[in-house]
Amino acid sequence: MKTILTGIILIVSFCTIIGQSLGIGTLSPDPSSVLDLTSDDKGIYIPRLTLAQRDAITDPNDGLLIFQKGVNKGLYYFDGSYDTWKKVGDGPFSWTDGTGTVYTNNKVGIGTSSPNSKSILDLNSNDKGI
């Protein structure tokens, strides 16, 4: 037990000494990050929860990230300004290039932020043709 405690103290001290950046897979973590994970052949596995487990989190902080398994599975973050969980890449304007082109619900709108529900491609312009 004494050895484990000593190891924990050394790790915490080392993290403090190097400017509070921890690197896994790298000897030089990016100084602008708290945690720098580097790999050429592996990903990151974040906590995987069911909807019930996710909703049981007490007072989630803004930006908390989880992978929801089961019903409506996907990557979710907590949006504190709306006090709700939001699915990453979901919503009425889930894919936009910032120039008026919107990709949503299998519809593409160019020059409109709300493509016609009966069309696949909705082009809207007052001064340009096709």
Protein backbone atom coordinates (compact mmCIF):
# COMPACT_ATOMS: atom_id res chain seq x y z
CA MET A 1 0.00 0.00 0.00
CA LYS A 2 2.87 2.36 0.83
CA THR A 3 4.42 1.63 -2.60
CA ILE A 4 1.15 2.43 -4.40
CA LEU A 5 0.77 5.70 -2.52
CA THR A 6 4.37 6.66 -3.32
CA GLY A 7 3.77 5.88 -7.02
CA ILE A 8 0.65 8.03 -7.12
CA ILE A 9 2.47 10.94 -5.48
CA LEU A 10 5.32 10.65 -8.01
CA ILE A 11 2.94 10.61 -10.98
CA VAL A 12 1.00 13.63 -9.70
CA SER A 13 4.25 15.48 -9.00
CA PHE A 14 5.60 14.66 -12.48
CA CYS A 15 2.42 15.97 -14.14
CA THR A 16 2.73 19.20 -12.15
CA ILE A 17 6.41 19.62 -13.08
CA ILE A 18 5.84 19.29 -16.84
CA GLY A 19 3.26 22.07 -16.89
CA GLN A 20 0.16 20.00 -16.28
CA SER A 21 0.17 18.32 -19.72
CA LEU A 22 0.01 14.55 -19.71
CA GLY A 23 1.08 12.60 -22.77
CA ILE A 24 0.21 8.99 -23.55
CA GLY A 25 2.11 7.63 -26.53
CA THR A 26 4.26 10.76 -26.71
CA LEU A 27 7.18 12.15 -24.74
CA SER A 28 6.27 15.74 -25.66
CA PRO A 29 2.57 16.43 -25.06
CA ASP A 30 1.11 19.53 -26.67
CA PRO A 31 1.39 22.35 -24.09
CA SER A 32 -2.09 23.66 -24.95
CA SER A 33 -3.71 20.37 -23.88
CA VAL A 34 -4.29 18.72 -20.55
CA LEU A 35 -4.12 15.26 -22.14
CA ASP A 36 -2.38 14.42 -25.41
CA LEU A 37 -3.11 10.92 -26.75
CA THR A 38 -0.93 9.88 -29.69
CA SER A 39 -1.21 6.69 -31.73
CA ASP A 40 -0.86 5.56 -35.33
CA ASP A 41 -3.03 2.45 -34.93
CA LYS A 42 -5.42 2.91 -32.00
CA GLY A 43 -8.38 5.08 -31.03
CA ILE A 44 -9.85 6.32 -27.77
CA TYR A 45 -12.60 4.48 -25.94
CA ILE A 46 -14.74 6.90 -23.96
CA PRO A 47 -17.33 5.78 -21.39
CA ARG A 48 -20.19 3.78 -22.91
CA LEU A 49 -23.54 4.17 -21.16
CA THR A 50 -27.15 3.28 -21.78
CA LEU A 51 -29.76 6.04 -21.95
CA ALA A 52 -30.78 5.31 -18.35
CA GLN A 53 -27.17 5.40 -17.14
CA ARG A 54 -26.54 8.66 -19.02
CA ASP A 55 -29.63 10.29 -17.54
CA ALA A 56 -28.63 9.14 -14.04
CA ILE A 57 -25.47 11.29 -14.11
CA THR A 58 -25.90 13.82 -11.33
CA ASP A 59 -25.34 17.44 -12.39
CA PRO A 60 -23.33 16.83 -15.61
CA ASN A 61 -20.91 19.60 -16.50
CA ASP A 62 -21.11 21.50 -19.79
CA GLY A 63 -19.18 19.57 -22.46
CA LEU A 64 -19.28 16.14 -20.80
CA LEU A 65 -18.85 13.51 -23.52
CA ILE A 66 -20.19 9.93 -23.57
CA PHE A 67 -21.02 7.21 -26.10
CA GLN A 68 -24.63 6.12 -25.70
CA LYS A 69 -25.17 2.45 -26.45
CA GLY A 70 -28.49 0.75 -27.16
CA VAL A 71 -31.36 3.07 -28.10
CA ASN A 72 -30.28 6.01 -30.33
CA LYS A 73 -26.63 5.05 -29.99
CA GLY A 74 -24.03 7.63 -30.79
CA LEU A 75 -21.66 10.22 -29.38
CA TYR A 76 -23.39 12.70 -27.05
CA TYR A 77 -22.26 15.83 -25.21
CA PHE A 78 -23.99 17.76 -22.44
CA ASP A 79 -24.99 21.29 -23.40
CA GLY A 80 -25.20 23.20 -20.13
CA SER A 81 -26.73 26.30 -21.71
CA TYR A 82 -29.81 24.24 -22.66
CA ASP A 83 -29.47 21.69 -19.83
CA THR A 84 -29.76 18.81 -22.30
CA TRP A 85 -27.80 16.02 -23.98
CA LYS A 86 -27.14 16.56 -27.70
CA LYS A 87 -26.03 13.97 -30.23
CA VAL A 88 -22.88 14.99 -32.08
CA GLY A 89 -23.70 15.70 -35.74
CA ASP A 90 -27.45 15.66 -35.18
CA GLY A 91 -30.03 18.40 -35.54
CA PRO A 92 -31.77 20.43 -38.20
CA PHE A 93 -28.49 21.90 -39.48
CA SER A 94 -26.21 18.96 -38.86
CA TRP A 95 -23.87 19.56 -41.80
CA THR A 96 -23.11 22.98 -43.21
CA ASP A 97 -20.14 24.51 -44.96
CA GLY A 98 -20.83 28.02 -43.65
CA THR A 99 -21.76 29.48 -47.05
CA GLY A 100 -25.48 28.75 -47.14
CA THR A 101 -25.15 25.12 -48.20
CA VAL A 102 -26.99 22.90 -45.75
CA TYR A 103 -27.14 19.13 -45.70
CA THR A 104 -29.93 17.84 -43.50
CA ASN A 105 -32.18 14.78 -43.31
CA ASN A 106 -31.05 13.50 -46.73
CA LYS A 107 -31.81 16.90 -48.29
CA VAL A 108 -29.38 19.48 -49.73
CA GLY A 109 -30.17 23.17 -49.69
CA ILE A 110 -28.06 25.74 -51.53
CA GLY A 111 -28.94 29.32 -50.72
CA THR A 112 -31.51 28.24 -48.14
CA SER A 113 -31.24 27.13 -44.55
CA SER A 114 -34.41 25.03 -44.78
CA PRO A 115 -34.52 22.77 -47.85
CA ASN A 116 -37.97 21.89 -49.18
CA SER A 117 -39.14 18.65 -47.55
CA LYS A 118 -40.38 17.28 -50.90
CA SER A 119 -37.07 17.74 -52.73
CA ILE A 120 -33.64 16.16 -52.54
CA LEU A 121 -31.91 19.31 -53.83
CA ASP A 122 -33.31 22.80 -53.17
CA LEU A 123 -31.55 25.67 -55.00
CA ASN A 124 -32.51 29.20 -54.01
CA SER A 125 -30.96 32.33 -55.53
CA ASN A 126 -32.22 35.78 -56.55
CA ASP A 127 -29.30 36.59 -58.84
CA LYS A 128 -27.78 33.35 -60.17
CA GLY A 129 -28.95 30.56 -62.45
CA ILE A 130 -27.85 26.96 -62.93
